[in-house]
């Protein structure tokens, strides 16, 4: 790019591609020092003057690269422990002066300033500080002021200032400078990166303050999504849908950006959806001393079980619906043992996710070339975490369904209270129902699901499907319990459950026909518990 204008006498001209009149100037001020020495050496070899600040200047000098301190061009020392160093007209006039505006260049000459032609800046590590649990005063020390200001000024004036915020771009920028071919497209691309970067940085700070406000509903007047692409995916749910995986800045422990793939093919869009469903489901038993296993198919469970061993948890979860488990995704709340790995071997599975794997279990599972093995914590999502659902032209935003199950609002509404065994199974079935698509019906006995009816347009149909699933496996439902994610609008669902042998029901309550439903349960000698909480999952 050429700047053919005539400059006022005494103003340094900046530079043009392939030929620099007077020495061009670069300002380097980075928190992440990755690649900065190589960039500086490359610029110096091309005849650039280097200006830098604090730790960056020290790193360059230690590497033998000549640089001048920013205070030499501002005429003012850094102050307040470096909080003020680049916030000065000598810096920002040099960045913002338009090379084709004689008035801007005359102003530079009047005040004795010169243009700055390249800026390489990255920001204080706010994300990392917050992720490490920094308290407010320490987090505020990582809020960068001068860095974003320089970046935005340079990006605004990108026709005259080449701005680099990502160390991954250093080599490409040097190559373009060496070739004398810094195109307008490259300048614009680097500027766009800056504005995305600073927007995400500010959004992370705003989100941090949102989390500090205990009195807030965490649904502010505006929301900025702070997402970084982790990886492109082959395609979305179907081959004609382009897709990628984006991670939320500061994603909590146990979320998908933190997974570690130990074996198998790359993860697909549908794989990630199923892993999310599996880990969410099994997180209901995060603090349970027994092993929990969930088998997921198309984002909804087909089998869930608790047992004393991981091996038995798998066997019982599989027994709930072995046909649907084919090609499924499995998650555990405890490390996978060799016995569990051996037991899973005959079943074709897409993914096994767990907090860890014993070495002998890994050795056994790696015999299957394509099986994806994921190490991923299975803690519940943080309280108050936002859940987003895309609609045409916007998003629906809510607090994520909590996988914590307080019982303070529970009440027995029938003449007969549940037995101790029924109480245990009702608690299990209620937690299982939280991960099943609505309308959801879960039949359970002895801490395992024996029939699941999911995603139906009527609750009685969901009940019939759950019974059908159990019957197909030859399960006698006598003494089983039933969980419903929402109230029964009519007594027909209770009648169908009683006819199959169900002896206890747990549901939210709240229907205008609750009295009829309770009366039906009493007629059948069933126990019924109202939780006062609905568990819809659309």
Protein backbone atom coordinates (compact mmCIF):
# COMPACT_ATOMS: atom_id res chain seq x y z
CA UNK A 1 0.00 0.00 0.00
CA UNK A 2 1.45 3.36 -1.04
CA UNK A 3 1.03 6.68 0.71
CA UNK A 4 1.75 9.10 -2.14
CA UNK A 5 0.94 12.29 -0.25
CA UNK A 6 3.58 14.93 0.42
CA UNK A 7 4.35 15.11 4.11
CA UNK A 8 5.03 18.29 6.00
CA UNK A 9 8.70 18.88 6.61
CA UNK A 10 10.02 17.08 9.69
CA UNK A 11 7.28 14.42 9.92
CA UNK A 12 8.53 10.87 9.63
CA UNK A 13 6.68 9.30 6.75
CA UNK A 14 5.97 5.85 8.02
CA UNK A 15 6.57 3.20 5.37
CA UNK A 16 5.44 1.83 2.06
CA UNK A 17 5.55 -1.75 0.88
CA UNK A 18 8.92 -2.69 -0.46
CA UNK A 19 10.49 0.67 0.26
CA UNK A 20 10.67 2.51 3.51
CA UNK A 21 11.61 6.12 3.41
CA UNK A 22 12.51 6.82 6.97
CA UNK A 23 12.74 4.03 9.51
CA UNK A 24 9.28 2.52 10.20
CA UNK A 25 8.32 2.05 13.84
CA UNK A 26 6.73 -0.91 15.62
CA UNK A 27 5.30 -0.89 19.14
CA UNK A 28 5.50 -4.26 20.88
CA UNK A 29 3.75 -4.76 24.23
CA UNK A 30 2.65 -8.29 25.02
CA UNK A 31 1.59 -10.30 28.03
CA UNK A 32 2.01 -13.60 26.16
CA UNK A 33 5.64 -13.54 25.00
CA UNK A 34 5.19 -16.47 22.60
CA UNK A 35 7.02 -15.67 19.36
CA UNK A 36 7.67 -12.03 20.21
CA UNK A 37 11.47 -12.31 20.04
CA UNK A 38 11.33 -13.84 16.55
CA UNK A 39 8.90 -11.15 15.42
CA UNK A 40 11.14 -8.42 16.82
CA UNK A 41 14.26 -9.87 15.18
CA UNK A 42 12.47 -10.11 11.86
CA UNK A 43 11.34 -6.50 12.06
CA UNK A 44 14.79 -5.33 13.10
CA UNK A 45 16.32 -7.15 10.14
CA UNK A 46 13.92 -5.25 7.88
CA UNK A 47 15.09 -1.94 9.34
CA UNK A 48 12.28 -1.25 11.76
CA UNK A 49 12.70 0.73 14.96
CA UNK A 50 11.28 -1.17 17.94
CA UNK A 51 9.46 0.45 20.84
CA UNK A 52 8.34 -1.66 23.76
CA UNK A 53 7.16 -1.58 27.35
CA UNK A 54 8.10 -3.11 30.69
CA UNK A 55 8.44 -6.87 30.56
CA UNK A 56 8.41 -6.98 26.78
CA UNK A 57 11.38 -4.61 26.58
CA UNK A 58 13.21 -6.75 29.14
CA UNK A 59 12.57 -9.95 27.20
CA UNK A 60 13.79 -8.41 23.95
CA UNK A 61 16.96 -6.99 25.47
CA UNK A 62 17.70 -10.29 27.17
CA UNK A 63 17.48 -11.90 23.73
CA UNK A 64 19.86 -9.32 22.30
CA UNK A 65 17.28 -7.31 20.36
CA UNK A 66 17.64 -3.53 20.50
CA UNK A 67 14.54 -1.64 21.58
CA UNK A 68 13.67 1.70 23.06
CA UNK A 69 11.28 2.18 25.96
CA UNK A 70 7.92 3.76 25.30
CA UNK A 71 8.84 6.43 27.83
CA UNK A 72 11.46 7.69 25.37
CA UNK A 73 8.78 8.62 22.86
CA UNK A 74 6.22 9.86 25.41
CA UNK A 75 8.75 11.81 27.45
CA UNK A 76 6.99 10.49 30.53
CA UNK A 77 8.00 7.58 32.78
CA UNK A 78 5.73 4.62 33.43
CA UNK A 79 3.81 5.22 36.66
CA UNK A 80 1.50 3.53 39.15
CA UNK A 81 3.31 0.20 38.82
CA UNK A 82 2.87 0.26 35.06
CA UNK A 83 -0.86 1.07 35.10
CA UNK A 84 -0.07 4.17 33.03
CA UNK A 85 2.53 3.86 30.30
CA UNK A 86 1.02 3.97 26.80
CA UNK A 87 -1.95 6.26 27.51
CA UNK A 88 -0.26 9.28 25.97
CA UNK A 89 -0.77 11.42 22.80
CA UNK A 90 2.67 10.47 21.52
CA UNK A 91 1.40 6.89 21.23
CA UNK A 92 -2.18 7.44 20.17
CA UNK A 93 -1.51 10.32 17.81
CA UNK A 94 1.11 8.13 16.14
CA UNK A 95 -1.48 5.36 15.79
CA UNK A 96 -4.47 7.43 14.75
CA UNK A 97 -2.86 9.90 12.34
CA UNK A 98 -4.34 9.31 8.88
CA UNK A 99 -1.51 9.09 6.40
CA UNK A 100 -3.51 10.82 3.65
CA UNK A 101 -4.69 13.72 5.86
CA UNK A 102 -2.27 16.66 5.80
CA UNK A 103 -3.93 18.12 8.89
CA UNK A 104 -3.21 14.98 10.96
CA UNK A 105 0.40 14.92 9.83
CA UNK A 106 0.81 18.61 10.50
CA UNK A 107 -0.48 18.05 14.04
CA UNK A 108 2.15 15.34 14.52
CA UNK A 109 4.86 17.74 13.37
CA UNK A 110 3.58 20.53 15.61
CA UNK A 111 3.86 18.35 18.71
CA UNK A 112 7.04 16.53 17.70
CA UNK A 113 5.43 13.11 17.33
CA UNK A 114 5.92 10.40 14.70
CA UNK A 115 3.76 7.71 13.21
CA UNK A 116 3.62 4.17 14.60
CA UNK A 117 3.28 1.72 11.75
CA UNK A 118 2.85 -1.67 13.39
CA UNK A 119 1.41 -2.71 16.75
CA UNK A 120 1.82 -6.16 18.28
CA UNK A 121 -0.15 -6.29 21.51
CA UNK A 122 -1.88 -8.98 23.50
CA UNK A 123 -3.71 -8.45 26.74
CA UNK A 124 -3.34 -9.25 30.41
CA UNK A 125 -4.54 -12.83 31.09
CA UNK A 126 -7.91 -12.01 32.61
CA UNK A 127 -9.49 -15.32 31.53
CA UNK A 128 -6.72 -17.34 33.17
CA UNK A 129 -6.85 -15.35 36.41
CA UNK A 130 -10.59 -15.81 36.78
CA UNK A 131 -10.39 -19.52 35.87
CA UNK A 132 -7.81 -19.94 38.63
CA UNK A 133 -10.24 -18.44 41.15
CA UNK A 134 -8.65 -15.03 41.56
CA UNK A 135 -10.53 -12.80 44.04
CA UNK A 136 -11.92 -9.48 42.86
CA UNK A 137 -8.87 -7.37 43.66
CA UNK A 138 -6.54 -9.77 41.83
CA UNK A 139 -8.91 -10.13 38.88
CA UNK A 140 -9.01 -6.34 38.49
CA UNK A 141 -5.23 -6.25 38.18
CA UNK A 142 -5.67 -8.35 35.04
CA UNK A 143 -8.10 -5.91 33.41
CA UNK A 144 -6.03 -4.36 30.63
CA UNK A 145 -6.64 -0.68 29.79
CA UNK A 146 -3.76 0.47 27.63
CA UNK A 147 -3.63 -2.70 25.54
CA UNK A 148 -7.22 -2.62 24.24
CA UNK A 149 -6.92 1.12 23.67
CA UNK A 150 -3.85 0.70 21.47
CA UNK A 151 -5.36 -2.24 19.63
CA UNK A 152 -8.60 -0.43 18.87
CA UNK A 153 -6.77 2.73 17.76
CA UNK A 154 -4.50 0.75 15.44
CA UNK A 155 -7.40 -1.31 14.08
CA UNK A 156 -9.44 1.81 13.42
CA UNK A 157 -6.53 3.17 11.38
CA UNK A 158 -5.58 -0.16 9.80
CA UNK A 159 -4.92 1.30 6.32
CA UNK A 160 -1.88 2.96 7.89
CA UNK A 161 -1.13 0.71 10.89
CA UNK A 162 -0.65 -3.05 10.74
CA UNK A 163 -2.06 -4.49 13.96
CA UNK A 164 -1.36 -8.00 15.28
CA UNK A 165 -3.13 -9.40 18.35
CA UNK A 166 -2.56 -13.14 17.83
CA UNK A 167 0.98 -14.58 18.08
CA UNK A 168 -0.11 -17.20 15.54
CA UNK A 169 -0.10 -14.41 12.91
CA UNK A 170 3.48 -13.24 13.47
CA UNK A 171 5.00 -15.46 10.77
CA UNK A 172 2.40 -14.50 8.17
CA UNK A 173 2.90 -10.80 8.90
CA UNK A 174 6.68 -11.09 8.65
CA UNK A 175 6.37 -13.00 5.39
CA UNK A 176 4.17 -10.27 3.93
CA UNK A 177 6.59 -7.54 5.08
CA UNK A 178 9.57 -9.37 3.60
CA UNK A 179 7.74 -9.79 0.32
CA UNK A 180 6.66 -6.15 0.32
CA UNK A 181 3.09 -7.30 -0.06
CA UNK A 182 1.04 -6.21 2.94
CA UNK A 183 -2.31 -6.20 1.17
CA UNK A 184 -5.41 -4.27 2.23
CA UNK A 185 -7.09 -7.64 2.79
CA UNK A 186 -4.41 -8.70 5.30
CA UNK A 187 -4.68 -5.38 7.12
CA UNK A 188 -8.47 -5.68 7.31
CA UNK A 189 -8.27 -9.29 8.47
CA UNK A 190 -5.88 -8.38 11.29
CA UNK A 191 -8.12 -5.45 12.29
CA UNK A 192 -11.19 -7.68 12.38
CA UNK A 193 -9.36 -10.07 14.70
CA UNK A 194 -8.65 -7.16 17.03
CA UNK A 195 -12.27 -6.08 17.31
CA UNK A 196 -13.41 -9.66 17.92
CA UNK A 197 -10.68 -10.10 20.52
CA UNK A 198 -11.42 -6.92 22.47
CA UNK A 199 -15.17 -7.61 22.33
CA UNK A 200 -14.65 -11.05 23.86
CA UNK A 201 -12.29 -9.60 26.46
CA UNK A 202 -14.85 -7.04 27.60
CA UNK A 203 -17.60 -9.65 27.54
CA UNK A 204 -15.56 -11.89 29.86
CA UNK A 205 -15.13 -9.04 32.33
CA UNK A 206 -18.85 -8.24 32.22
CA UNK A 207 -19.69 -11.92 32.76
CA UNK A 208 -17.33 -12.03 35.74
CA UNK A 209 -19.17 -9.13 37.39
CA UNK A 210 -22.50 -10.81 36.63
CA UNK A 211 -21.36 -13.86 38.58
CA UNK A 212 -20.37 -11.68 41.53
CA UNK A 213 -23.89 -10.25 41.86
CA UNK A 214 -25.69 -12.68 44.15
CA UNK A 215 -28.89 -10.64 44.00
CA UNK A 216 -29.09 -10.62 40.19
CA UNK A 217 -31.27 -13.02 38.22
CA UNK A 218 -28.27 -13.53 35.94
CA UNK A 219 -30.46 -12.49 33.02
CA UNK A 220 -29.21 -8.96 32.30
CA UNK A 221 -30.63 -6.51 29.79
CA UNK A 222 -28.00 -7.53 27.25
CA UNK A 223 -25.79 -10.59 26.81
CA UNK A 224 -22.64 -10.94 24.75
CA UNK A 225 -21.74 -14.51 23.88
CA UNK A 226 -18.04 -15.09 24.46
CA UNK A 227 -17.21 -18.03 22.22
CA UNK A 228 -13.96 -19.26 20.73
CA UNK A 229 -13.81 -21.89 18.00
CA UNK A 230 -12.25 -25.06 19.33
CA UNK A 231 -12.43 -27.09 16.16
CA UNK A 232 -14.31 -27.33 12.88
CA UNK A 233 -16.53 -30.40 12.57
CA UNK A 234 -17.05 -32.52 9.47
CA UNK A 235 -20.68 -31.39 9.39
CA UNK A 236 -23.64 -30.80 11.68
CA UNK A 237 -26.55 -33.09 12.43
CA UNK A 238 -26.72 -33.80 8.71
CA UNK A 239 -24.06 -33.65 5.96
CA UNK A 240 -25.49 -30.50 4.35
CA UNK A 241 -25.08 -28.47 7.58
CA UNK A 242 -21.64 -26.87 8.18
CA UNK A 243 -20.65 -26.98 11.86
CA UNK A 244 -17.94 -26.19 14.40
CA UNK A 245 -17.46 -26.51 18.17
CA UNK A 246 -17.08 -23.24 20.07
CA UNK A 247 -15.99 -23.01 23.69
CA UNK A 248 -17.29 -20.49 26.17
CA UNK A 249 -14.58 -18.42 27.82
CA UNK A 250 -14.10 -19.55 31.40
CA UNK A 251 -16.07 -22.75 30.80
CA UNK A 252 -16.64 -24.54 34.14
CA UNK A 253 -15.02 -27.80 35.20
CA UNK A 254 -16.85 -30.76 33.75
CA UNK A 255 -17.95 -28.97 30.59
CA UNK A 256 -17.06 -30.19 27.12
CA UNK A 257 -14.12 -27.84 26.42
CA UNK A 258 -12.31 -29.65 29.25
CA UNK A 259 -12.70 -33.15 27.89
CA UNK A 260 -9.60 -35.19 27.09
CA UNK A 261 -9.94 -37.70 24.27
CA UNK A 262 -7.82 -40.73 25.01
CA UNK A 263 -8.65 -42.85 21.99
CA UNK A 264 -10.80 -43.20 18.89
CA UNK A 265 -12.07 -41.24 15.92
CA UNK A 266 -12.57 -37.51 16.03
CA UNK A 267 -15.75 -36.28 17.68
CA UNK A 268 -18.67 -35.19 15.52
CA UNK A 269 -21.48 -32.69 16.09
CA UNK A 270 -23.92 -35.45 17.10
CA UNK A 271 -21.27 -37.08 19.31
CA UNK A 272 -20.85 -33.87 21.27
CA UNK A 273 -24.61 -33.48 21.72
CA UNK A 274 -24.82 -37.03 23.06
CA UNK A 275 -21.81 -36.59 25.35
CA UNK A 276 -23.41 -33.47 26.81
CA UNK A 277 -26.62 -35.39 27.44
CA UNK A 278 -24.77 -38.33 28.99
CA UNK A 279 -22.60 -36.26 31.32
CA UNK A 280 -25.57 -34.12 32.35
CA UNK A 281 -27.58 -37.22 33.17
CA UNK A 282 -24.88 -38.95 35.20
CA UNK A 283 -24.08 -35.72 37.09
CA UNK A 284 -27.29 -36.31 39.07
CA UNK A 285 -25.26 -38.88 41.03
CA UNK A 286 -22.00 -36.96 41.30
CA UNK A 287 -21.87 -37.35 45.09
CA UNK A 288 -23.42 -40.80 45.15
CA UNK A 289 -20.98 -43.33 46.70
CA UNK A 290 -22.22 -46.03 44.35
CA UNK A 291 -21.35 -46.19 40.67
CA UNK A 292 -23.80 -44.66 38.21
CA UNK A 293 -24.03 -45.50 34.51
CA UNK A 294 -26.10 -43.79 31.81
CA UNK A 295 -26.58 -45.04 28.24
CA UNK A 296 -27.63 -42.30 25.82
CA UNK A 297 -29.15 -42.61 22.36
CA UNK A 298 -30.05 -39.50 20.38
CA UNK A 299 -29.57 -37.27 23.46
CA UNK A 300 -32.00 -39.13 25.70
CA UNK A 301 -31.30 -42.01 28.11
CA UNK A 302 -32.26 -45.56 27.23
CA UNK A 303 -30.81 -47.01 30.43
CA UNK A 304 -29.68 -45.68 33.82
CA UNK A 305 -28.53 -47.63 36.87
CA UNK A 306 -26.77 -47.44 40.22
CA UNK A 307 -24.73 -50.32 41.62
CA UNK A 308 -21.90 -51.06 44.02
CA UNK A 309 -19.46 -51.58 41.14
CA UNK A 310 -18.94 -49.89 37.78
CA UNK A 311 -19.26 -53.32 36.13
CA UNK A 312 -22.71 -53.92 37.67
CA UNK A 313 -23.86 -50.35 36.95
CA UNK A 314 -23.14 -50.96 33.26
CA UNK A 315 -24.86 -54.34 33.26
CA UNK A 316 -28.00 -52.95 34.88
CA UNK A 317 -28.12 -49.85 32.63
CA UNK A 318 -27.74 -52.04 29.54
CA UNK A 319 -30.52 -54.35 30.72
CA UNK A 320 -32.96 -51.42 30.66
CA UNK A 321 -32.95 -51.37 26.84
CA UNK A 322 -30.16 -53.39 25.20
CA UNK A 323 -31.59 -52.88 21.70
CA UNK A 324 -31.44 -49.07 21.91
CA UNK A 325 -27.99 -49.19 23.53
CA UNK A 326 -26.45 -50.35 20.23
CA UNK A 327 -24.35 -47.44 18.94
CA UNK A 328 -24.95 -45.50 22.14
CA UNK A 329 -22.92 -43.17 24.32
CA UNK A 330 -22.09 -44.29 27.87
CA UNK A 331 -21.12 -42.14 30.86
CA UNK A 332 -20.03 -43.12 34.37
CA UNK A 333 -19.63 -41.13 37.57
CA UNK A 334 -16.66 -43.26 38.67
CA UNK A 335 -13.43 -44.46 36.98
CA UNK A 336 -13.89 -47.36 34.58
CA UNK A 337 -12.46 -50.66 35.76
CA UNK A 338 -11.07 -53.53 33.65
CA UNK A 339 -14.13 -55.61 34.57
CA UNK A 340 -16.46 -52.90 33.25
CA UNK A 341 -14.37 -52.52 30.09
CA UNK A 342 -14.57 -56.27 29.47
CA UNK A 343 -18.33 -56.26 30.07
CA UNK A 344 -18.88 -53.43 27.56
CA UNK A 345 -16.75 -55.12 24.91
CA UNK A 346 -19.51 -57.16 23.19
CA UNK A 347 -21.70 -54.05 22.68
CA UNK A 348 -21.04 -51.62 19.85
CA UNK A 349 -20.67 -48.18 21.44
CA UNK A 350 -19.70 -44.84 19.97
CA UNK A 351 -18.29 -43.23 23.13
CA UNK A 352 -17.44 -44.02 26.75
CA UNK A 353 -16.98 -41.01 29.04
CA UNK A 354 -15.85 -41.13 32.65
CA UNK A 355 -13.85 -39.11 35.20
CA UNK A 356 -10.98 -41.56 34.65
CA UNK A 357 -10.00 -45.02 33.44
CA UNK A 358 -7.82 -47.63 35.06
CA UNK A 359 -4.86 -48.42 32.84
CA UNK A 360 -5.90 -52.02 32.28
CA UNK A 361 -9.36 -50.81 31.29
CA UNK A 362 -7.85 -48.45 28.73
CA UNK A 363 -5.73 -51.23 27.32
CA UNK A 364 -8.82 -53.38 26.90
CA UNK A 365 -10.96 -50.61 25.36
CA UNK A 366 -8.28 -49.45 22.92
CA UNK A 367 -8.59 -52.75 21.13
CA UNK A 368 -11.61 -51.16 19.46
CA UNK A 369 -10.03 -48.82 16.93
CA UNK A 370 -12.93 -46.38 16.55
CA UNK A 371 -14.29 -46.29 20.11
CA UNK A 372 -13.98 -42.76 21.44
CA UNK A 373 -12.75 -42.74 25.03
CA UNK A 374 -13.20 -39.47 26.89
CA UNK A 375 -11.85 -38.41 30.26
CA UNK A 376 -14.29 -35.82 31.57
CA UNK A 377 -15.40 -34.84 35.08
CA UNK A 378 -19.08 -35.42 35.72
CA UNK A 379 -19.94 -32.70 38.24
CA UNK A 380 -23.27 -30.88 37.85
CA UNK A 381 -23.23 -27.58 35.98
CA UNK A 382 -22.76 -24.55 38.26
CA UNK A 383 -25.93 -23.14 39.78
CA UNK A 384 -27.33 -20.30 37.71
CA UNK A 385 -25.47 -21.23 34.52
CA UNK A 386 -27.30 -19.94 31.45
CA UNK A 387 -28.93 -22.22 28.91
CA UNK A 388 -29.47 -20.95 25.36
CA UNK A 389 -31.92 -22.19 22.75
CA UNK A 390 -31.74 -20.78 19.25
CA UNK A 391 -34.94 -19.45 17.69
CA UNK A 392 -35.42 -17.53 14.47
CA UNK A 393 -33.88 -14.12 14.97
CA UNK A 394 -32.71 -14.60 18.53
CA UNK A 395 -32.17 -16.78 21.57
CA UNK A 396 -34.28 -17.97 24.44
CA UNK A 397 -32.22 -17.73 27.61
CA UNK A 398 -32.91 -19.44 30.91
CA UNK A 399 -31.05 -20.72 33.92
CA UNK A 400 -29.92 -24.27 33.25
CA UNK A 401 -31.96 -27.04 34.84
CA UNK A 402 -30.25 -27.87 38.11
CA UNK A 403 -29.21 -31.49 38.61
CA UNK A 404 -29.53 -31.03 42.37
CA UNK A 405 -32.63 -32.44 43.99
CA UNK A 406 -33.76 -30.87 47.24
CA UNK A 407 -36.68 -32.66 48.90
CA UNK A 408 -37.96 -29.91 51.18
CA UNK A 409 -41.10 -29.37 49.04
CA UNK A 410 -41.89 -33.06 48.59
CA UNK A 411 -45.13 -34.38 50.12
CA UNK A 412 -47.02 -37.64 50.17
CA UNK A 413 -50.52 -37.01 48.79
CA UNK A 414 -52.03 -40.52 48.95
CA UNK A 415 -53.44 -42.53 51.83
CA UNK A 416 -50.48 -44.85 51.65
CA UNK A 417 -46.93 -43.58 52.05
CA UNK A 418 -44.08 -45.20 50.13
CA UNK A 419 -42.18 -48.02 51.80
CA UNK A 420 -38.44 -47.59 52.41
CA UNK A 421 -37.64 -49.52 49.23
CA UNK A 422 -40.12 -47.44 47.26
CA UNK A 423 -38.63 -44.21 48.61
CA UNK A 424 -35.19 -45.26 47.40
CA UNK A 425 -36.51 -46.12 43.95
CA UNK A 426 -38.61 -42.95 43.74
CA UNK A 427 -35.54 -40.83 44.45
CA UNK A 428 -33.61 -42.68 41.78
CA UNK A 429 -36.45 -42.45 39.22
CA UNK A 430 -36.93 -38.72 39.84
CA UNK A 431 -33.27 -37.99 39.14
CA UNK A 432 -33.38 -40.18 36.05
CA UNK A 433 -36.44 -38.35 34.73
CA UNK A 434 -34.55 -35.04 34.80
CA UNK A 435 -32.48 -36.12 31.79
CA UNK A 436 -35.28 -37.67 29.73
CA UNK A 437 -36.96 -35.68 26.94
CA UNK A 438 -40.53 -34.54 27.59
CA UNK A 439 -43.08 -35.96 27.85
CA UNK A 440 -41.01 -38.24 30.08
CA UNK A 441 -41.99 -41.34 31.99
CA UNK A 442 -39.42 -43.47 33.84
CA UNK A 443 -40.15 -46.88 35.30
CA UNK A 444 -37.58 -48.06 37.84
CA UNK A 445 -36.88 -50.76 40.37
CA UNK A 446 -33.85 -51.62 42.49
CA UNK A 447 -31.92 -48.50 41.34
CA UNK A 448 -32.22 -49.19 37.62
CA UNK A 449 -34.52 -48.08 34.87
CA UNK A 450 -36.70 -50.84 33.47
CA UNK A 451 -38.65 -48.75 30.96
CA UNK A 452 -38.37 -45.20 29.61
CA UNK A 453 -40.95 -43.36 27.52
CA UNK A 454 -39.46 -40.18 26.08
CA UNK A 455 -40.40 -37.28 23.83
CA UNK A 456 -44.04 -38.19 23.33
CA UNK A 457 -46.90 -35.83 22.56
CA UNK A 458 -49.07 -37.26 25.33
CA UNK A 459 -48.13 -38.48 28.78
CA UNK A 460 -50.25 -41.60 28.50
CA UNK A 461 -48.37 -42.54 25.30
CA UNK A 462 -45.09 -42.07 27.16
CA UNK A 463 -46.40 -44.37 29.90
CA UNK A 464 -47.43 -47.02 27.37
CA UNK A 465 -44.03 -46.90 25.66
CA UNK A 466 -42.21 -47.23 29.00
CA UNK A 467 -44.35 -50.29 29.82
CA UNK A 468 -43.77 -51.70 26.33
CA UNK A 469 -39.98 -51.32 26.74
CA UNK A 470 -40.14 -53.24 30.02
CA UNK A 471 -42.40 -55.95 28.58
CA UNK A 472 -40.09 -56.41 25.58
CA UNK A 473 -37.30 -57.28 28.00
CA UNK A 474 -39.52 -59.70 29.92
CA UNK A 475 -39.53 -57.48 33.00
CA UNK A 476 -42.25 -58.04 35.60
CA UNK A 477 -43.22 -54.53 36.70
CA UNK A 478 -44.83 -55.67 39.94
CA UNK A 479 -43.52 -53.36 42.65
CA UNK A 480 -41.89 -50.89 40.25
CA UNK A 481 -42.11 -47.13 40.66
CA UNK A 482 -42.88 -44.44 38.12
CA UNK A 483 -41.52 -40.90 37.72
CA UNK A 484 -43.17 -38.29 35.51
CA UNK A 485 -41.40 -35.05 34.58
CA UNK A 486 -44.69 -33.10 34.76
CA UNK A 487 -48.12 -33.60 36.24
CA UNK A 488 -50.64 -36.15 34.96
CA UNK A 489 -53.40 -34.16 33.26
CA UNK A 490 -55.79 -37.12 33.52
CA UNK A 491 -56.04 -40.27 35.60
CA UNK A 492 -55.51 -42.51 32.55
CA UNK A 493 -51.72 -42.45 32.98
CA UNK A 494 -52.03 -43.62 36.59
CA UNK A 495 -54.54 -46.31 35.62
CA UNK A 496 -52.16 -47.61 32.93
CA UNK A 497 -49.26 -47.64 35.40
CA UNK A 498 -51.30 -49.51 38.04
CA UNK A 499 -52.41 -52.09 35.50
CA UNK A 500 -48.76 -52.86 34.77
CA UNK A 501 -47.90 -53.41 38.45
CA UNK A 502 -46.49 -50.00 39.43
CA UNK A 503 -46.86 -49.39 43.17
CA UNK A 504 -45.57 -45.84 43.67
CA UNK A 505 -45.47 -42.64 41.61
CA UNK A 506 -43.47 -39.43 41.88
CA UNK A 507 -44.52 -36.35 39.94
CA UNK A 508 -44.59 -32.54 40.32
CA UNK A 509 -48.34 -32.17 40.87
CA UNK A 510 -50.14 -28.98 39.95
CA UNK A 511 -52.87 -30.20 37.61
CA UNK A 512 -56.44 -28.95 37.92
CA UNK A 513 -57.29 -32.66 38.08
CA UNK A 514 -54.83 -33.51 40.85
CA UNK A 515 -57.73 -34.72 43.04
CA UNK A 516 -58.83 -37.18 40.34
CA UNK A 517 -55.27 -38.43 39.87
CA UNK A 518 -54.76 -38.86 43.63
CA UNK A 519 -58.11 -40.65 43.89
CA UNK A 520 -57.02 -43.03 41.13
CA UNK A 521 -53.79 -43.78 43.00
CA UNK A 522 -55.73 -44.45 46.19
CA UNK A 523 -58.13 -46.77 44.35
CA UNK A 524 -55.15 -48.81 43.17
CA UNK A 525 -53.43 -48.79 46.59
CA UNK A 526 -50.52 -46.82 45.15
CA UNK A 527 -48.31 -44.31 46.96
CA UNK A 528 -47.85 -40.93 45.30
CA UNK A 529 -45.38 -38.15 46.02
CA UNK A 530 -45.64 -34.58 44.74
CA UNK A 531 -42.29 -32.81 44.37
CA UNK A 532 -43.54 -29.32 43.49
CA UNK A 533 -40.89 -29.13 40.75
CA UNK A 534 -41.30 -29.76 37.02
CA UNK A 535 -38.49 -31.29 34.95
CA UNK A 536 -39.43 -30.50 31.34
CA UNK A 537 -36.65 -31.03 28.82
CA UNK A 538 -37.60 -30.04 25.27
